[in-house]
Amino acid sequence: MTNNIRWSAAILGAVGTLALVSGAAFAWVAMYAHLPQPGIDQAAVQTYANAVGPVIGVALSFPVWFVLCRWYTRCLPAPRATAYAAPVIAILLDVASLRVMSTPYHIGMCTLRALLKVLGVYTALRGRRGRLASG
């Protein structure tokens, strides 16, 4: 099975999805900091970012991974192995980031993100008749 993994696609997919979700969270916090109340206290923005960042990650995990794995099924000759390797890489990167913020809230959100990543991959790989895509 490891012979079928396209490691470059798996690593680029994992890093790309993490960058996309992080960018979305950054944009959301930037809009919060500048649109409703320009000049808001920086500590309030930091508190808001720590609270809302993981929520945005949870909200975007399933759709981002679903779209990525649908792209894998269209562009790669054997998509299953690569599609299952990519979220493992992303989950390992998430676990590494927990060394910075290891509160129970962040650990719970990281666990929920991991479950939604795997669910997004599994759903994307299902065929029309409920069978997994070949590969």
N, C-alpha and C. Protein backbone atom coordinates (compact mmCIF):
# COMPACT_ATOMS: atom_id res chain seq x y z
N MET A 1 0.82 -1.20 0.00
CA MET A 1 0.00 0.00 0.00
C MET A 1 0.86 1.26 0.00
N THR A 2 2.02 1.21 0.66
CA THR A 2 2.86 2.40 0.69
C THR A 2 3.45 2.71 -0.67
N ASN A 3 3.49 1.72 -1.57
CA ASN A 3 4.00 1.99 -2.91
C ASN A 3 3.04 2.86 -3.70
N ASN A 4 1.76 2.85 -3.36
CA ASN A 4 0.77 3.63 -4.10
C ASN A 4 0.61 5.06 -3.59
N ILE A 5 1.23 5.38 -2.47
CA ILE A 5 1.08 6.72 -1.91
C ILE A 5 1.92 7.71 -2.71
N ARG A 6 1.27 8.74 -3.17
CA ARG A 6 1.98 9.85 -3.79
C ARG A 6 2.33 10.83 -2.67
N TRP A 7 3.54 10.69 -2.13
CA TRP A 7 3.92 11.46 -0.96
C TRP A 7 3.91 12.95 -1.22
N SER A 8 4.31 13.36 -2.41
CA SER A 8 4.31 14.80 -2.70
C SER A 8 2.89 15.36 -2.66
N ALA A 9 1.94 14.63 -3.22
CA ALA A 9 0.55 15.08 -3.20
C ALA A 9 -0.01 15.04 -1.78
N ALA A 10 0.36 14.03 -1.00
CA ALA A 10 -0.13 13.93 0.37
C ALA A 10 0.40 15.06 1.24
N ILE A 11 1.70 15.35 1.12
CA ILE A 11 2.30 16.42 1.93
C ILE A 11 1.78 17.78 1.49
N LEU A 12 1.71 18.01 0.18
CA LEU A 12 1.17 19.29 -0.30
C LEU A 12 -0.30 19.46 0.08
N GLY A 13 -1.06 18.38 0.03
CA GLY A 13 -2.47 18.46 0.44
C GLY A 13 -2.61 18.78 1.91
N ALA A 14 -1.82 18.10 2.75
CA ALA A 14 -1.89 18.34 4.20
C ALA A 14 -1.48 19.76 4.55
N VAL A 15 -0.36 20.19 4.03
CA VAL A 15 0.13 21.54 4.34
C VAL A 15 -0.78 22.59 3.72
N GLY A 16 -1.27 22.33 2.51
CA GLY A 16 -2.17 23.28 1.85
C GLY A 16 -3.48 23.46 2.59
N THR A 17 -4.06 22.36 3.08
CA THR A 17 -5.31 22.50 3.82
C THR A 17 -5.10 23.21 5.14
N LEU A 18 -3.99 22.92 5.81
CA LEU A 18 -3.70 23.63 7.06
C LEU A 18 -3.48 25.11 6.81
N ALA A 19 -2.80 25.44 5.71
CA ALA A 19 -2.59 26.85 5.37
C ALA A 19 -3.91 27.54 5.03
N LEU A 20 -4.78 26.84 4.31
CA LEU A 20 -6.08 27.40 3.95
C LEU A 20 -6.93 27.68 5.18
N VAL A 21 -6.99 26.72 6.08
CA VAL A 21 -7.80 26.90 7.29
C VAL A 21 -7.19 27.97 8.19
N SER A 22 -5.86 28.00 8.31
CA SER A 22 -5.21 29.03 9.12
C SER A 22 -5.42 30.41 8.51
N GLY A 23 -5.36 30.50 7.19
CA GLY A 23 -5.62 31.77 6.52
C GLY A 23 -7.05 32.25 6.72
N ALA A 24 -7.99 31.32 6.69
CA ALA A 24 -9.39 31.69 6.94
C ALA A 24 -9.58 32.19 8.37
N ALA A 25 -8.94 31.53 9.32
CA ALA A 25 -9.05 31.98 10.71
C ALA A 25 -8.39 33.35 10.89
N PHE A 26 -7.25 33.55 10.25
CA PHE A 26 -6.57 34.85 10.34
C PHE A 26 -7.44 35.95 9.73
N ALA A 27 -8.04 35.67 8.58
CA ALA A 27 -8.90 36.67 7.93
C ALA A 27 -10.11 36.99 8.81
N TRP A 28 -10.69 35.97 9.43
CA TRP A 28 -11.84 36.18 10.30
C TRP A 28 -11.47 37.08 11.49
N VAL A 29 -10.35 36.78 12.11
CA VAL A 29 -9.92 37.58 13.27
C VAL A 29 -9.55 38.99 12.83
N ALA A 30 -8.94 39.14 11.65
CA ALA A 30 -8.60 40.47 11.16
C ALA A 30 -9.86 41.30 10.91
N MET A 31 -10.89 40.67 10.36
CA MET A 31 -12.15 41.39 10.16
C MET A 31 -12.76 41.78 11.50
N TYR A 32 -12.67 40.88 12.49
CA TYR A 32 -13.20 41.19 13.82
C TYR A 32 -12.44 42.36 14.44
N ALA A 33 -11.15 42.41 14.22
CA ALA A 33 -10.34 43.45 14.85
C ALA A 33 -10.54 44.82 14.20
N HIS A 34 -10.89 44.85 12.90
CA HIS A 34 -10.91 46.13 12.21
C HIS A 34 -12.30 46.62 11.81
N LEU A 35 -13.23 45.73 11.59
CA LEU A 35 -14.54 46.18 11.10
C LEU A 35 -15.49 46.65 12.20
N PRO A 36 -15.79 45.84 13.22
CA PRO A 36 -16.81 46.30 14.18
C PRO A 36 -16.34 47.47 15.04
N GLN A 37 -15.12 47.39 15.53
CA GLN A 37 -14.58 48.43 16.40
C GLN A 37 -13.13 48.69 16.04
N PRO A 38 -12.85 49.59 15.14
CA PRO A 38 -11.44 49.89 14.84
C PRO A 38 -10.74 50.40 16.10
N GLY A 39 -9.53 49.93 16.32
CA GLY A 39 -8.78 50.35 17.50
C GLY A 39 -9.10 49.56 18.74
N ILE A 40 -9.68 48.36 18.59
CA ILE A 40 -10.01 47.52 19.74
C ILE A 40 -8.72 47.08 20.44
N ASP A 41 -8.81 46.85 21.73
CA ASP A 41 -7.66 46.46 22.54
C ASP A 41 -7.05 45.16 22.00
N GLN A 42 -5.72 45.12 21.91
CA GLN A 42 -5.02 43.97 21.35
C GLN A 42 -5.23 42.71 22.19
N ALA A 43 -5.34 42.85 23.49
CA ALA A 43 -5.57 41.69 24.35
C ALA A 43 -6.93 41.06 24.06
N ALA A 44 -7.93 41.88 23.76
CA ALA A 44 -9.25 41.35 23.43
C ALA A 44 -9.22 40.60 22.10
N VAL A 45 -8.46 41.12 21.15
CA VAL A 45 -8.33 40.45 19.86
C VAL A 45 -7.62 39.12 20.04
N GLN A 46 -6.58 39.08 20.87
CA GLN A 46 -5.84 37.84 21.11
C GLN A 46 -6.73 36.80 21.80
N THR A 47 -7.52 37.23 22.76
CA THR A 47 -8.44 36.31 23.43
C THR A 47 -9.47 35.77 22.44
N TYR A 48 -10.00 36.64 21.60
CA TYR A 48 -10.96 36.22 20.59
C TYR A 48 -10.33 35.24 19.61
N ALA A 49 -9.11 35.52 19.18
CA ALA A 49 -8.41 34.64 18.23
C ALA A 49 -8.17 33.26 18.84
N ASN A 50 -7.80 33.20 20.11
CA ASN A 50 -7.59 31.91 20.76
C ASN A 50 -8.88 31.12 20.90
N ALA A 51 -10.00 31.82 21.01
CA ALA A 51 -11.27 31.13 21.16
C ALA A 51 -11.87 30.72 19.82
N VAL A 52 -11.77 31.57 18.81
CA VAL A 52 -12.47 31.33 17.55
C VAL A 52 -11.63 30.56 16.53
N GLY A 53 -10.30 30.59 16.63
CA GLY A 53 -9.45 29.89 15.69
C GLY A 53 -9.76 28.40 15.59
N PRO A 54 -9.82 27.69 16.71
CA PRO A 54 -10.15 26.27 16.65
C PRO A 54 -11.57 26.00 16.13
N VAL A 55 -12.50 26.90 16.40
CA VAL A 55 -13.87 26.72 15.91
C VAL A 55 -13.90 26.81 14.39
N ILE A 56 -13.15 27.74 13.84
CA ILE A 56 -13.08 27.86 12.37
C ILE A 56 -12.43 26.61 11.79
N GLY A 57 -11.41 26.08 12.47
CA GLY A 57 -10.78 24.85 12.03
C GLY A 57 -11.75 23.68 12.00
N VAL A 58 -12.60 23.60 13.00
CA VAL A 58 -13.62 22.54 13.04
C VAL A 58 -14.64 22.75 11.93
N ALA A 59 -15.07 23.98 11.74
CA ALA A 59 -16.10 24.26 10.73
C ALA A 59 -15.61 23.98 9.32
N LEU A 60 -14.33 24.17 9.06
CA LEU A 60 -13.81 23.99 7.70
C LEU A 60 -13.17 22.62 7.45
N SER A 61 -12.96 21.83 8.49
CA SER A 61 -12.25 20.55 8.31
C SER A 61 -12.94 19.63 7.32
N PHE A 62 -14.21 19.36 7.54
CA PHE A 62 -14.90 18.42 6.66
C PHE A 62 -14.95 18.91 5.21
N PRO A 63 -15.42 20.13 4.93
CA PRO A 63 -15.51 20.52 3.52
C PRO A 63 -14.16 20.62 2.81
N VAL A 64 -13.14 21.09 3.50
CA VAL A 64 -11.82 21.23 2.87
C VAL A 64 -11.25 19.85 2.53
N TRP A 65 -11.35 18.91 3.46
CA TRP A 65 -10.82 17.57 3.19
C TRP A 65 -11.67 16.82 2.18
N PHE A 66 -12.96 17.06 2.18
CA PHE A 66 -13.82 16.44 1.17
C PHE A 66 -13.41 16.90 -0.23
N VAL A 67 -13.23 18.20 -0.41
CA VAL A 67 -12.85 18.75 -1.72
C VAL A 67 -11.46 18.25 -2.12
N LEU A 68 -10.52 18.24 -1.19
CA LEU A 68 -9.18 17.76 -1.51
C LEU A 68 -9.20 16.31 -1.98
N CYS A 69 -9.93 15.47 -1.29
CA CYS A 69 -9.94 14.05 -1.66
C CYS A 69 -10.76 13.79 -2.92
N ARG A 70 -11.75 14.60 -3.20
CA ARG A 70 -12.44 14.49 -4.49
C ARG A 70 -11.48 14.86 -5.61
N TRP A 71 -10.62 15.85 -5.37
CA TRP A 71 -9.62 16.21 -6.36
C TRP A 71 -8.63 15.05 -6.54
N TYR A 72 -8.23 14.41 -5.43
CA TYR A 72 -7.35 13.25 -5.54
C TYR A 72 -7.98 12.16 -6.41
N THR A 73 -9.27 11.91 -6.23
CA THR A 73 -9.91 10.84 -7.00
C THR A 73 -9.97 11.18 -8.49
N ARG A 74 -9.99 12.43 -8.82
CA ARG A 74 -10.03 12.82 -10.24
C ARG A 74 -8.64 12.89 -10.86
N CYS A 75 -7.61 13.22 -10.08
CA CYS A 75 -6.30 13.51 -10.66
C CYS A 75 -5.25 12.43 -10.43
N LEU A 76 -5.43 11.58 -9.44
CA LEU A 76 -4.41 10.58 -9.15
C LEU A 76 -4.88 9.20 -9.62
N PRO A 77 -3.96 8.38 -10.10
CA PRO A 77 -4.35 7.06 -10.57
C PRO A 77 -4.79 6.13 -9.44
N ALA A 78 -4.22 6.23 -8.27
CA ALA A 78 -4.60 5.40 -7.11
C ALA A 78 -4.83 6.33 -5.92
N PRO A 79 -6.02 6.90 -5.80
CA PRO A 79 -6.22 7.99 -4.82
C PRO A 79 -6.36 7.55 -3.38
N ARG A 80 -6.78 6.32 -3.11
CA ARG A 80 -7.10 5.94 -1.72
C ARG A 80 -5.91 6.06 -0.78
N ALA A 81 -4.78 5.51 -1.18
CA ALA A 81 -3.61 5.52 -0.29
C ALA A 81 -3.16 6.95 0.00
N THR A 82 -3.13 7.77 -1.02
CA THR A 82 -2.71 9.16 -0.83
C THR A 82 -3.74 9.92 -0.01
N ALA A 83 -5.01 9.66 -0.27
CA ALA A 83 -6.07 10.36 0.46
C ALA A 83 -6.08 10.00 1.94
N TYR A 84 -5.71 8.78 2.27
CA TYR A 84 -5.65 8.40 3.68
C TYR A 84 -4.33 8.83 4.33
N ALA A 85 -3.28 9.02 3.55
CA ALA A 85 -2.00 9.46 4.12
C ALA A 85 -2.01 10.96 4.44
N ALA A 86 -2.70 11.75 3.62
CA ALA A 86 -2.70 13.21 3.81
C ALA A 86 -3.26 13.63 5.16
N PRO A 87 -4.43 13.14 5.60
CA PRO A 87 -4.90 13.58 6.92
C PRO A 87 -4.04 13.07 8.07
N VAL A 88 -3.37 11.94 7.89
CA VAL A 88 -2.46 11.47 8.93
C VAL A 88 -1.33 12.47 9.11
N ILE A 89 -0.80 12.97 8.01
CA ILE A 89 0.25 13.99 8.08
C ILE A 89 -0.29 15.25 8.76
N ALA A 90 -1.49 15.66 8.37
CA ALA A 90 -2.09 16.88 8.96
C ALA A 90 -2.37 16.68 10.45
N ILE A 91 -2.81 15.50 10.84
CA ILE A 91 -3.09 15.23 12.26
C ILE A 91 -1.79 15.25 13.05
N LEU A 92 -0.72 14.71 12.48
CA LEU A 92 0.58 14.77 13.16
C LEU A 92 1.04 16.22 13.33
N LEU A 93 0.80 17.05 12.33
CA LEU A 93 1.14 18.48 12.46
C LEU A 93 0.27 19.15 13.51
N ASP A 94 -1.01 18.78 13.59
CA ASP A 94 -1.89 19.32 14.63
C ASP A 94 -1.41 18.93 16.02
N VAL A 95 -1.03 17.67 16.17
CA VAL A 95 -0.55 17.19 17.47
C VAL A 95 0.73 17.93 17.86
N ALA A 96 1.59 18.18 16.89
CA ALA A 96 2.80 18.95 17.17
C ALA A 96 2.47 20.37 17.62
N SER A 97 1.41 20.94 17.05
CA SER A 97 1.03 22.30 17.44
C SER A 97 0.42 22.34 18.83
N LEU A 98 -0.06 21.20 19.34
CA LEU A 98 -0.62 21.17 20.69
C LEU A 98 0.45 21.37 21.76
N ARG A 99 1.70 21.22 21.39
CA ARG A 99 2.76 21.48 22.36
C ARG A 99 2.80 22.95 22.74
N VAL A 100 2.27 23.82 21.87
CA VAL A 100 2.23 25.25 22.16
C VAL A 100 1.01 25.58 23.00
N MET A 101 -0.16 25.08 22.58
CA MET A 101 -1.41 25.34 23.30
C MET A 101 -2.04 24.02 23.69
N SER A 102 -1.82 23.59 24.90
CA SER A 102 -2.34 22.29 25.31
C SER A 102 -3.40 22.43 26.40
N THR A 103 -4.35 23.32 26.19
CA THR A 103 -5.47 23.42 27.11
C THR A 103 -6.50 22.35 26.74
N PRO A 104 -7.36 21.96 27.64
CA PRO A 104 -8.38 20.96 27.29
C PRO A 104 -9.26 21.39 26.12
N TYR A 105 -9.53 22.69 26.02
CA TYR A 105 -10.33 23.20 24.90
C TYR A 105 -9.64 22.93 23.57
N HIS A 106 -8.35 23.25 23.48
CA HIS A 106 -7.62 23.04 22.23
C HIS A 106 -7.43 21.56 21.92
N ILE A 107 -7.23 20.74 22.94
CA ILE A 107 -7.10 19.30 22.72
C ILE A 107 -8.42 18.73 22.20
N GLY A 108 -9.53 19.16 22.77
CA GLY A 108 -10.85 18.70 22.30
C GLY A 108 -11.12 19.14 20.87
N MET A 109 -10.79 20.37 20.55
CA MET A 109 -11.00 20.86 19.18
C MET A 109 -10.09 20.14 18.19
N CYS A 110 -8.88 19.83 18.59
CA CYS A 110 -7.96 19.10 17.71
C CYS A 110 -8.49 17.69 17.46
N THR A 111 -9.05 17.07 18.48
CA THR A 111 -9.64 15.74 18.31
C THR A 111 -10.83 15.79 17.38
N LEU A 112 -11.67 16.79 17.54
CA LEU A 112 -12.84 16.94 16.67
C LEU A 112 -12.42 17.22 15.23
N ARG A 113 -11.40 18.05 15.04
CA ARG A 113 -10.88 18.30 13.69
C ARG A 113 -10.36 17.02 13.06
N ALA A 114 -9.65 16.21 13.83
CA ALA A 114 -9.11 14.95 13.30
C ALA A 114 -10.24 14.03 12.85
N LEU A 115 -11.29 13.92 13.65
CA LEU A 115 -12.43 13.08 13.26
C LEU A 115 -13.11 13.61 12.00
N LEU A 116 -13.25 14.92 11.89
CA LEU A 116 -13.89 15.49 10.71
C LEU A 116 -13.01 15.36 9.47
N LYS A 117 -11.70 15.40 9.64
CA LYS A 117 -10.80 15.17 8.50
C LYS A 117 -10.99 13.77 7.96
N VAL A 118 -10.97 12.79 8.85
CA VAL A 118 -11.12 11.40 8.42
C VAL A 118 -12.50 11.17 7.82
N LEU A 119 -13.52 11.78 8.40
CA LEU A 119 -14.87 11.65 7.85
C LEU A 119 -14.96 12.29 6.47
N GLY A 120 -14.33 13.43 6.28
CA GLY A 120 -14.32 14.08 4.97
C GLY A 120 -13.63 13.22 3.92
N VAL A 121 -12.51 12.60 4.30
CA VAL A 121 -11.80 11.72 3.37
C VAL A 121 -12.65 10.51 3.04
N TYR A 122 -13.22 9.89 4.05
CA TYR A 122 -14.04 8.69 3.82
C TYR A 122 -15.24 9.01 2.94
N THR A 123 -15.90 10.12 3.20
CA THR A 123 -17.08 10.50 2.41
C THR A 123 -16.70 10.81 0.97
N ALA A 124 -15.57 11.47 0.78
CA ALA A 124 -15.15 11.82 -0.57
C ALA A 124 -14.78 10.59 -1.39
N LEU A 125 -14.28 9.57 -0.73
CA LEU A 125 -13.84 8.37 -1.45
C LEU A 125 -14.97 7.38 -1.71
N ARG A 126 -16.11 7.63 -1.15
CA ARG A 126 -17.24 6.72 -1.41
C ARG A 126 -17.72 6.90 -2.84
N GLY A 127 -17.99 5.79 -3.48
CA GLY A 127 -18.50 5.84 -4.84
C GLY A 127 -19.98 6.13 -4.86
N ARG A 128 -20.55 6.19 -6.03
CA ARG A 128 -21.99 6.47 -6.16
C ARG A 128 -22.85 5.40 -5.51
N ARG A 129 -22.36 4.19 -5.52
CA ARG A 129 -23.17 3.08 -4.99
C ARG A 129 -22.75 2.69 -3.58
N GLY A 130 -22.01 3.56 -2.91
CA GLY A 130 -21.64 3.28 -1.53
C GLY A 130 -20.34 2.52 -1.40
N ARG A 131 -19.67 2.19 -2.49
CA ARG A 131 -18.39 1.51 -2.42
C ARG A 131 -17.28 2.55 -2.43
N LEU A 132 -16.16 2.18 -1.83
CA LEU A 132 -15.03 3.10 -1.84
C LEU A 132 -14.42 3.13 -3.23
N ALA A 133 -13.90 4.29 -3.60
CA ALA A 133 -13.24 4.44 -4.90
C ALA A 133 -12.05 3.51 -4.97
N SER A 134 -11.80 2.97 -6.12
CA SER A 134 -10.70 2.02 -6.27
C SER A 134 -9.36 2.74 -6.19
N GLY A 135 -8.34 1.99 -5.87
CA GLY A 135 -7.01 2.57 -5.85
C GLY A 135 -6.24 2.25 -4.68
